[in-house]
Amino acid sequence: MSLSWMAWTWQTATFFILLAMVLAGMGLWEWKRPGGNPRRGIFGLDTTRGDRLFITLLGSGFIALGWLSFIGSPPYGALVICALWAIFVFRRV
């Protein structure tokens, strides 16, 4: 499959495929075990699983952009910080 029609790289395609897999996984999780009542986290927000996923993805985007702005390539450190952010959000927020 050639991605040259959009000037995509394999890394970009992988990112969007993984994003689609995460969204599908969250949909299956919600279907198998409905989330029930929202829970209140340390930020004082009532959040569901979907809300926490959105907060995780939005925060990870800002972390990655900040990493590239202040530190540059390679962004492996940002990946570690994003993983820690995701764990924090799903456990505490």
PDB file of N, CA and C in Angstrom:
ATOM      1  N   MET A   1       0.843  -1.174   0.000  1.00  0.00           N
ATOM      2  CA  MET A   1       0.000   0.000   0.000  1.00  0.00           C
ATOM      3  C   MET A   1       0.892   1.242   0.000  1.00  0.00           C
ATOM      4  N   SER A   2       0.718   2.073  -0.963  1.00  0.00           N
ATOM      5  CA  SER A   2       1.525   3.281  -1.075  1.00  0.00           C
ATOM      6  C   SER A   2       0.811   4.450  -0.399  1.00  0.00           C
ATOM      7  N   LEU A   3       1.536   5.141   0.447  1.00  0.00           N
ATOM      8  CA  LEU A   3       0.972   6.311   1.134  1.00  0.00           C
ATOM      9  C   LEU A   3       1.459   7.617   0.521  1.00  0.00           C
ATOM     10  N   SER A   4       2.067   7.547  -0.653  1.00  0.00           N
ATOM     11  CA  SER A   4       2.652   8.740  -1.251  1.00  0.00           C
ATOM     12  C   SER A   4       1.609   9.769  -1.687  1.00  0.00           C
ATOM     13  N   TRP A   5       0.371   9.353  -1.886  1.00  0.00           N
ATOM     14  CA  TRP A   5      -0.653  10.289  -2.312  1.00  0.00           C
ATOM     15  C   TRP A   5      -0.937  11.339  -1.253  1.00  0.00           C
ATOM     16  N   MET A   6      -0.584  11.083   0.011  1.00  0.00           N
ATOM     17  CA  MET A   6      -0.770  12.064   1.071  1.00  0.00           C
ATOM     18  C   MET A   6       0.541  12.493   1.689  1.00  0.00           C
ATOM     19  N   ALA A   7       1.626  12.016   1.145  1.00  0.00           N
ATOM     20  CA  ALA A   7       2.961  12.325   1.660  1.00  0.00           C
ATOM     21  C   ALA A   7       3.096  11.896   3.115  1.00  0.00           C
ATOM     22  N   TRP A   8       2.455  10.796   3.457  1.00  0.00           N
ATOM     23  CA  TRP A   8       2.559  10.242   4.800  1.00  0.00           C
ATOM     24  C   TRP A   8       3.787   9.358   4.887  1.00  0.00           C
ATOM     25  N   THR A   9       4.309   9.264   6.069  1.00  0.00           N
ATOM     26  CA  THR A   9       5.381   8.313   6.323  1.00  0.00           C
ATOM     27  C   THR A   9       4.778   7.107   7.027  1.00  0.00           C
ATOM     28  N   TRP A  10       5.534   6.045   7.165  1.00  0.00           N
ATOM     29  CA  TRP A  10       5.010   4.874   7.865  1.00  0.00           C
ATOM     30  C   TRP A  10       4.762   5.188   9.330  1.00  0.00           C
ATOM     31  N   GLN A  11       5.543   6.131   9.896  1.00  0.00           N
ATOM     32  CA  GLN A  11       5.342   6.501  11.289  1.00  0.00           C
ATOM     33  C   GLN A  11       3.995   7.189  11.495  1.00  0.00           C
ATOM     34  N   THR A  12       3.619   8.049  10.553  1.00  0.00           N
ATOM     35  CA  THR A  12       2.336   8.739  10.652  1.00  0.00           C
ATOM     36  C   THR A  12       1.186   7.747  10.511  1.00  0.00           C
ATOM     37  N   ALA A  13       1.304   6.840   9.556  1.00  0.00           N
ATOM     38  CA  ALA A  13       0.266   5.822   9.381  1.00  0.00           C
ATOM     39  C   ALA A  13       0.157   4.954  10.627  1.00  0.00           C
ATOM     40  N   THR A  14       1.286   4.583  11.222  1.00  0.00           N
ATOM     41  CA  THR A  14       1.279   3.774  12.435  1.00  0.00           C
ATOM     42  C   THR A  14       0.579   4.509  13.573  1.00  0.00           C
ATOM     43  N   PHE A  15       0.855   5.804  13.708  1.00  0.00           N
ATOM     44  CA  PHE A  15       0.215   6.608  14.747  1.00  0.00           C
ATOM     45  C   PHE A  15      -1.307   6.559  14.618  1.00  0.00           C
ATOM     46  N   PHE A  16      -1.819   6.782  13.416  1.00  0.00           N
ATOM     47  CA  PHE A  16      -3.265   6.819  13.242  1.00  0.00           C
ATOM     48  C   PHE A  16      -3.889   5.431  13.365  1.00  0.00           C
ATOM     49  N   ILE A  17      -3.174   4.395  12.951  1.00  0.00           N
ATOM     50  CA  ILE A  17      -3.672   3.034  13.135  1.00  0.00           C
ATOM     51  C   ILE A  17      -3.757   2.711  14.619  1.00  0.00           C
ATOM     52  N   LEU A  18      -2.728   3.063  15.379  1.00  0.00           N
ATOM     53  CA  LEU A  18      -2.748   2.809  16.823  1.00  0.00           C
ATOM     54  C   LEU A  18      -3.830   3.623  17.516  1.00  0.00           C
ATOM     55  N   LEU A  19      -4.038   4.853  17.077  1.00  0.00           N
ATOM     56  CA  LEU A  19      -5.105   5.680  17.643  1.00  0.00           C
ATOM     57  C   LEU A  19      -6.469   5.038  17.392  1.00  0.00           C
ATOM     58  N   ALA A  20      -6.687   4.535  16.182  1.00  0.00           N
ATOM     59  CA  ALA A  20      -7.943   3.854  15.873  1.00  0.00           C
ATOM     60  C   ALA A  20      -8.098   2.592  16.722  1.00  0.00           C
ATOM     61  N   MET A  21      -6.999   1.875  16.953  1.00  0.00           N
ATOM     62  CA  MET A  21      -7.060   0.677  17.783  1.00  0.00           C
ATOM     63  C   MET A  21      -7.395   1.009  19.232  1.00  0.00           C
ATOM     64  N   VAL A  22      -6.844   2.116  19.747  1.00  0.00           N
ATOM     65  CA  VAL A  22      -7.151   2.541  21.116  1.00  0.00           C
ATOM     66  C   VAL A  22      -8.633   2.899  21.238  1.00  0.00           C
ATOM     67  N   LEU A  23      -9.152   3.637  20.266  1.00  0.00           N
ATOM     68  CA  LEU A  23     -10.567   4.008  20.306  1.00  0.00           C
ATOM     69  C   LEU A  23     -11.469   2.781  20.191  1.00  0.00           C
ATOM     70  N   ALA A  24     -11.101   1.841  19.325  1.00  0.00           N
ATOM     71  CA  ALA A  24     -11.880   0.602  19.206  1.00  0.00           C
ATOM     72  C   ALA A  24     -11.798  -0.212  20.497  1.00  0.00           C
ATOM     73  N   GLY A  25     -10.617  -0.264  21.098  1.00  0.00           N
ATOM     74  CA  GLY A  25     -10.454  -0.982  22.361  1.00  0.00           C
ATOM     75  C   GLY A  25     -11.288  -0.369  23.472  1.00  0.00           C
ATOM     76  N   MET A  26     -11.314   0.956  23.540  1.00  0.00           N
ATOM     77  CA  MET A  26     -12.141   1.618  24.552  1.00  0.00           C
ATOM     78  C   MET A  26     -13.625   1.343  24.301  1.00  0.00           C
ATOM     79  N   GLY A  27     -14.028   1.305  23.037  1.00  0.00           N
ATOM     80  CA  GLY A  27     -15.417   0.992  22.712  1.00  0.00           C
ATOM     81  C   GLY A  27     -15.789  -0.420  23.130  1.00  0.00           C
ATOM     82  N   LEU A  28     -14.897  -1.374  22.871  1.00  0.00           N
ATOM     83  CA  LEU A  28     -15.141  -2.752  23.296  1.00  0.00           C
ATOM     84  C   LEU A  28     -15.173  -2.875  24.810  1.00  0.00           C
ATOM     85  N   TRP A  29     -14.254  -2.192  25.471  1.00  0.00           N
ATOM     86  CA  TRP A  29     -14.218  -2.216  26.937  1.00  0.00           C
ATOM     87  C   TRP A  29     -15.528  -1.690  27.507  1.00  0.00           C
ATOM     88  N   GLU A  30     -16.015  -0.602  26.963  1.00  0.00           N
ATOM     89  CA  GLU A  30     -17.266  -0.010  27.444  1.00  0.00           C
ATOM     90  C   GLU A  30     -18.449  -0.931  27.139  1.00  0.00           C
ATOM     91  N   TRP A  31     -18.406  -1.610  26.023  1.00  0.00           N
ATOM     92  CA  TRP A  31     -19.481  -2.520  25.656  1.00  0.00           C
ATOM     93  C   TRP A  31     -19.505  -3.737  26.580  1.00  0.00           C
ATOM     94  N   LYS A  32     -18.305  -4.280  26.875  1.00  0.00           N
ATOM     95  CA  LYS A  32     -18.218  -5.462  27.730  1.00  0.00           C
ATOM     96  C   LYS A  32     -18.492  -5.127  29.201  1.00  0.00           C
ATOM     97  N   ARG A  33     -17.945  -4.019  29.669  1.00  0.00           N
ATOM     98  CA  ARG A  33     -18.110  -3.603  31.070  1.00  0.00           C
ATOM     99  C   ARG A  33     -18.462  -2.117  31.106  1.00  0.00           C
ATOM    100  N   PRO A  34     -19.742  -1.802  31.077  1.00  0.00           N
ATOM    101  CA  PRO A  34     -20.132  -0.383  31.092  1.00  0.00           C
ATOM    102  C   PRO A  34     -19.511   0.354  32.283  1.00  0.00           C
ATOM    103  N   GLY A  35     -19.116   1.600  32.022  1.00  0.00           N
ATOM    104  CA  GLY A  35     -18.363   2.379  32.994  1.00  0.00           C
ATOM    105  C   GLY A  35     -19.104   2.746  34.258  1.00  0.00           C
ATOM    106  N   GLY A  36     -20.412   2.759  34.212  1.00  0.00           N
ATOM    107  CA  GLY A  36     -21.160   3.109  35.410  1.00  0.00           C
ATOM    108  C   GLY A  36     -21.080   4.596  35.707  1.00  0.00           C
ATOM    109  N   ASN A  37     -21.029   4.907  36.974  1.00  0.00           N
ATOM    110  CA  ASN A  37     -21.012   6.302  37.405  1.00  0.00           C
ATOM    111  C   ASN A  37     -19.634   6.919  37.189  1.00  0.00           C
ATOM    112  N   PRO A  38     -19.609   8.204  36.840  1.00  0.00           N
ATOM    113  CA  PRO A  38     -18.315   8.892  36.760  1.00  0.00           C
ATOM    114  C   PRO A  38     -17.667   8.947  38.141  1.00  0.00           C
ATOM    115  N   ARG A  39     -16.348   9.039  38.164  1.00  0.00           N
ATOM    116  CA  ARG A  39     -15.654   9.157  39.451  1.00  0.00           C
ATOM    117  C   ARG A  39     -14.957  10.507  39.531  1.00  0.00           C
ATOM    118  N   ARG A  40     -14.811  10.986  40.764  1.00  0.00           N
ATOM    119  CA  ARG A  40     -14.195  12.282  41.008  1.00  0.00           C
ATOM    120  C   ARG A  40     -12.724  12.065  41.317  1.00  0.00           C
ATOM    121  N   GLY A  41     -11.873  12.755  40.556  1.00  0.00           N
ATOM    122  CA  GLY A  41     -10.434  12.610  40.726  1.00  0.00           C
ATOM    123  C   GLY A  41      -9.815  13.761  41.485  1.00  0.00           C
ATOM    124  N   ILE A  42      -8.483  13.824  41.458  1.00  0.00           N
ATOM    125  CA  ILE A  42      -7.781  14.849  42.225  1.00  0.00           C
ATOM    126  C   ILE A  42      -7.952  16.247  41.647  1.00  0.00           C
ATOM    127  N   PHE A  43      -8.344  16.353  40.375  1.00  0.00           N
ATOM    128  CA  PHE A  43      -8.577  17.674  39.789  1.00  0.00           C
ATOM    129  C   PHE A  43      -9.972  18.193  40.097  1.00  0.00           C
ATOM    130  N   GLY A  44     -10.789  17.379  40.780  1.00  0.00           N
ATOM    131  CA  GLY A  44     -12.143  17.787  41.118  1.00  0.00           C
ATOM    132  C   GLY A  44     -13.121  17.630  39.977  1.00  0.00           C
ATOM    133  N   LEU A  45     -12.757  16.859  38.976  1.00  0.00           N
ATOM    134  CA  LEU A  45     -13.629  16.635  37.831  1.00  0.00           C
ATOM    135  C   LEU A  45     -14.303  15.273  37.951  1.00  0.00           C
ATOM    136  N   ASP A  46     -15.554  15.194  37.543  1.00  0.00           N
ATOM    137  CA  ASP A  46     -16.222  13.908  37.405  1.00  0.00           C
ATOM    138  C   ASP A  46     -15.903  13.395  36.009  1.00  0.00           C
ATOM    139  N   THR A  47     -15.180  12.268  35.926  1.00  0.00           N
ATOM    140  CA  THR A  47     -14.736  11.767  34.626  1.00  0.00           C
ATOM    141  C   THR A  47     -15.142  10.312  34.424  1.00  0.00           C
ATOM    142  N   THR A  48     -15.419   9.985  33.173  1.00  0.00           N
ATOM    143  CA  THR A  48     -15.643   8.613  32.750  1.00  0.00           C
ATOM    144  C   THR A  48     -14.372   8.126  32.065  1.00  0.00           C
ATOM    145  N   ARG A  49     -14.365   6.858  31.638  1.00  0.00           N
ATOM    146  CA  ARG A  49     -13.196   6.334  30.924  1.00  0.00           C
ATOM    147  C   ARG A  49     -12.893   7.142  29.672  1.00  0.00           C
ATOM    148  N   GLY A  50     -13.928   7.492  28.934  1.00  0.00           N
ATOM    149  CA  GLY A  50     -13.743   8.271  27.709  1.00  0.00           C
ATOM    150  C   GLY A  50     -13.149   9.642  27.991  1.00  0.00           C
ATOM    151  N   ASP A  51     -13.605  10.269  29.067  1.00  0.00           N
ATOM    152  CA  ASP A  51     -13.049  11.566  29.460  1.00  0.00           C
ATOM    153  C   ASP A  51     -11.568  11.440  29.788  1.00  0.00           C
ATOM    154  N   ARG A  52     -11.222  10.381  30.529  1.00  0.00           N
ATOM    155  CA  ARG A  52      -9.822  10.176  30.895  1.00  0.00           C
ATOM    156  C   ARG A  52      -8.963   9.879  29.675  1.00  0.00           C
ATOM    157  N   LEU A  53      -9.511   9.150  28.699  1.00  0.00           N
ATOM    158  CA  LEU A  53      -8.760   8.917  27.456  1.00  0.00           C
ATOM    159  C   LEU A  53      -8.526  10.233  26.733  1.00  0.00           C
ATOM    160  N   PHE A  54      -9.550  11.073  26.656  1.00  0.00           N
ATOM    161  CA  PHE A  54      -9.405  12.368  25.995  1.00  0.00           C
ATOM    162  C   PHE A  54      -8.360  13.231  26.700  1.00  0.00           C
ATOM    163  N   ILE A  55      -8.410  13.287  28.028  1.00  0.00           N
ATOM    164  CA  ILE A  55      -7.426  14.059  28.788  1.00  0.00           C
ATOM    165  C   ILE A  55      -6.023  13.516  28.541  1.00  0.00           C
ATOM    166  N   THR A  56      -5.892  12.187  28.484  1.00  0.00           N
ATOM    167  CA  THR A  56      -4.602  11.562  28.229  1.00  0.00           C
ATOM    168  C   THR A  56      -4.072  11.943  26.852  1.00  0.00           C
ATOM    169  N   LEU A  57      -4.910  11.831  25.821  1.00  0.00           N
ATOM    170  CA  LEU A  57      -4.464  12.137  24.464  1.00  0.00           C
ATOM    171  C   LEU A  57      -4.131  13.617  24.299  1.00  0.00           C
ATOM    172  N   LEU A  58      -4.950  14.482  24.862  1.00  0.00           N
ATOM    173  CA  LEU A  58      -4.696  15.915  24.763  1.00  0.00           C
ATOM    174  C   LEU A  58      -3.408  16.296  25.490  1.00  0.00           C
ATOM    175  N   GLY A  59      -3.245  15.783  26.705  1.00  0.00           N
ATOM    176  CA  GLY A  59      -2.026  16.053  27.456  1.00  0.00           C
ATOM    177  C   GLY A  59      -0.790  15.502  26.768  1.00  0.00           C
ATOM    178  N   SER A  60      -0.907  14.306  26.186  1.00  0.00           N
ATOM    179  CA  SER A  60       0.236  13.712  25.488  1.00  0.00           C
ATOM    180  C   SER A  60       0.639  14.545  24.282  1.00  0.00           C
ATOM    181  N   GLY A  61      -0.344  15.100  23.592  1.00  0.00           N
ATOM    182  CA  GLY A  61      -0.028  15.977  22.465  1.00  0.00           C
ATOM    183  C   GLY A  61       0.755  17.199  22.907  1.00  0.00           C
ATOM    184  N   PHE A  62       0.338  17.805  24.009  1.00  0.00           N
ATOM    185  CA  PHE A  62       1.060  18.975  24.518  1.00  0.00           C
ATOM    186  C   PHE A  62       2.451  18.599  25.026  1.00  0.00           C
ATOM    187  N   ILE A  63       2.573  17.442  25.665  1.00  0.00           N
ATOM    188  CA  ILE A  63       3.882  16.992  26.142  1.00  0.00           C
ATOM    189  C   ILE A  63       4.819  16.792  24.957  1.00  0.00           C
ATOM    190  N   ALA A  64       4.324  16.139  23.906  1.00  0.00           N
ATOM    191  CA  ALA A  64       5.166  15.893  22.729  1.00  0.00           C
ATOM    192  C   ALA A  64       5.576  17.199  22.051  1.00  0.00           C
ATOM    193  N   LEU A  65       4.635  18.136  21.925  1.00  0.00           N
ATOM    194  CA  LEU A  65       4.981  19.424  21.308  1.00  0.00           C
ATOM    195  C   LEU A  65       5.977  20.203  22.164  1.00  0.00           C
ATOM    196  N   GLY A  66       5.788  20.179  23.466  1.00  0.00           N
ATOM    197  CA  GLY A  66       6.735  20.845  24.351  1.00  0.00           C
ATOM    198  C   GLY A  66       8.116  20.227  24.270  1.00  0.00           C
ATOM    199  N   TRP A  67       8.169  18.905  24.213  1.00  0.00           N
ATOM    200  CA  TRP A  67       9.454  18.208  24.095  1.00  0.00           C
ATOM    201  C   TRP A  67      10.175  18.625  22.821  1.00  0.00           C
ATOM    202  N   LEU A  68       9.440  18.618  21.707  1.00  0.00           N
ATOM    203  CA  LEU A  68      10.060  18.989  20.431  1.00  0.00           C
ATOM    204  C   LEU A  68      10.474  20.452  20.411  1.00  0.00           C
ATOM    205  N   SER A  69       9.724  21.315  21.098  1.00  0.00           N
ATOM    206  CA  SER A  69      10.060  22.735  21.126  1.00  0.00           C
ATOM    207  C   SER A  69      11.296  23.022  21.955  1.00  0.00           C
ATOM    208  N   PHE A  70      11.405  22.387  23.111  1.00  0.00           N
ATOM    209  CA  PHE A  70      12.481  22.727  24.032  1.00  0.00           C
ATOM    210  C   PHE A  70      13.683  21.801  23.960  1.00  0.00           C
ATOM    211  N   ILE A  71      13.472  20.549  23.591  1.00  0.00           N
ATOM    212  CA  ILE A  71      14.571  19.588  23.600  1.00  0.00           C
ATOM    213  C   ILE A  71      14.915  19.121  22.196  1.00  0.00           C
ATOM    214  N   GLY A  72      13.913  18.898  21.363  1.00  0.00           N
ATOM    215  CA  GLY A  72      14.151  18.462  19.995  1.00  0.00           C
ATOM    216  C   GLY A  72      14.112  16.953  19.855  1.00  0.00           C
ATOM    217  N   SER A  73      14.726  16.479  18.803  1.00  0.00           N
ATOM    218  CA  SER A  73      14.739  15.043  18.511  1.00  0.00           C
ATOM    219  C   SER A  73      15.864  14.366  19.244  1.00  0.00           C
ATOM    220  N   PRO A  74      15.764  13.105  19.501  1.00  0.00           N
ATOM    221  CA  PRO A  74      14.643  12.184  19.327  1.00  0.00           C
ATOM    222  C   PRO A  74      13.632  12.326  20.463  1.00  0.00           C
ATOM    223  N   PRO A  75      12.382  12.039  20.180  1.00  0.00           N
ATOM    224  CA  PRO A  75      11.328  12.258  21.172  1.00  0.00           C
ATOM    225  C   PRO A  75      11.058  11.066  22.097  1.00  0.00           C
ATOM    226  N   TYR A  76      12.056  10.215  22.324  1.00  0.00           N
ATOM    227  CA  TYR A  76      11.820   9.037  23.161  1.00  0.00           C
ATOM    228  C   TYR A  76      11.531   9.418  24.617  1.00  0.00           C
ATOM    229  N   GLY A  77      12.138  10.461  25.103  1.00  0.00           N
ATOM    230  CA  GLY A  77      11.847  10.916  26.462  1.00  0.00           C
ATOM    231  C   GLY A  77      10.400  11.362  26.602  1.00  0.00           C
ATOM    232  N   ALA A  78       9.875  12.010  25.559  1.00  0.00           N
ATOM    233  CA  ALA A  78       8.472  12.439  25.581  1.00  0.00           C
ATOM    234  C   ALA A  78       7.550  11.228  25.626  1.00  0.00           C
ATOM    235  N   LEU A  79       7.933  10.155  24.955  1.00  0.00           N
ATOM    236  CA  LEU A  79       7.122   8.937  24.977  1.00  0.00           C
ATOM    237  C   LEU A  79       7.030   8.371  26.391  1.00  0.00           C
ATOM    238  N   VAL A  80       8.128   8.396  27.116  1.00  0.00           N
ATOM    239  CA  VAL A  80       8.132   7.912  28.501  1.00  0.00           C
ATOM    240  C   VAL A  80       7.247   8.803  29.375  1.00  0.00           C
ATOM    241  N   ILE A  81       7.384  10.110  29.211  1.00  0.00           N
ATOM    242  CA  ILE A  81       6.569  11.054  29.994  1.00  0.00           C
ATOM    243  C   ILE A  81       5.091  10.873  29.660  1.00  0.00           C
ATOM    244  N   CYS A  82       4.767  10.664  28.384  1.00  0.00           N
ATOM    245  CA  CYS A  82       3.369  10.457  27.986  1.00  0.00           C
ATOM    246  C   CYS A  82       2.804   9.173  28.590  1.00  0.00           C
ATOM    247  N   ALA A  83       3.609   8.125  28.641  1.00  0.00           N
ATOM    248  CA  ALA A  83       3.148   6.872  29.255  1.00  0.00           C
ATOM    249  C   ALA A  83       2.886   7.077  30.743  1.00  0.00           C
ATOM    250  N   LEU A  84       3.770   7.800  31.419  1.00  0.00           N
ATOM    251  CA  LEU A  84       3.562   8.092  32.842  1.00  0.00           C
ATOM    252  C   LEU A  84       2.319   8.966  33.038  1.00  0.00           C
ATOM    253  N   TRP A  85       2.112   9.918  32.150  1.00  0.00           N
ATOM    254  CA  TRP A  85       0.933  10.779  32.190  1.00  0.00           C
ATOM    255  C   TRP A  85      -0.338   9.937  32.052  1.00  0.00           C
ATOM    256  N   ALA A  86      -0.343   8.984  31.114  1.00  0.00           N
ATOM    257  CA  ALA A  86      -1.509   8.126  30.901  1.00  0.00           C
ATOM    258  C   ALA A  86      -1.810   7.293  32.146  1.00  0.00           C
ATOM    259  N   ILE A  87      -0.793   6.742  32.751  1.00  0.00           N
ATOM    260  CA  ILE A  87      -0.991   5.961  33.977  1.00  0.00           C
ATOM    261  C   ILE A  87      -1.566   6.838  35.080  1.00  0.00           C
ATOM    262  N   PHE A  88      -1.003   8.033  35.240  1.00  0.00           N
ATOM    263  CA  PHE A  88      -1.492   8.975  36.239  1.00  0.00           C
ATOM    264  C   PHE A  88      -2.962   9.321  36.018  1.00  0.00           C
ATOM    265  N   VAL A  89      -3.307   9.646  34.780  1.00  0.00           N
ATOM    266  CA  VAL A  89      -4.677  10.075  34.478  1.00  0.00           C
ATOM    267  C   VAL A  89      -5.675   8.945  34.737  1.00  0.00           C
ATOM    268  N   PHE A  90      -5.358   7.744  34.300  1.00  0.00           N
ATOM    269  CA  PHE A  90      -6.321   6.654  34.461  1.00  0.00           C
ATOM    270  C   PHE A  90      -6.413   6.166  35.892  1.00  0.00           C
ATOM    271  N   ARG A  91      -5.408   6.426  36.705  1.00  0.00           N
ATOM    272  CA  ARG A  91      -5.466   5.991  38.108  1.00  0.00           C
ATOM    273  C   ARG A  91      -6.008   7.070  39.040  1.00  0.00           C
ATOM    274  N   ARG A  92      -5.707   8.336  38.769  1.00  0.00           N
ATOM    275  CA  ARG A  92      -5.994   9.396  39.742  1.00  0.00           C
ATOM    276  C   ARG A  92      -7.012  10.435  39.303  1.00  0.00           C
ATOM    277  N   VAL A  93      -7.211  10.632  38.029  1.00  0.00           N
ATOM    278  CA  VAL A  93      -8.096  11.721  37.574  1.00  0.00           C
ATOM    279  C   VAL A  93      -9.515  11.232  37.473  1.00  0.00           C
TER     280      VAL A  93
END
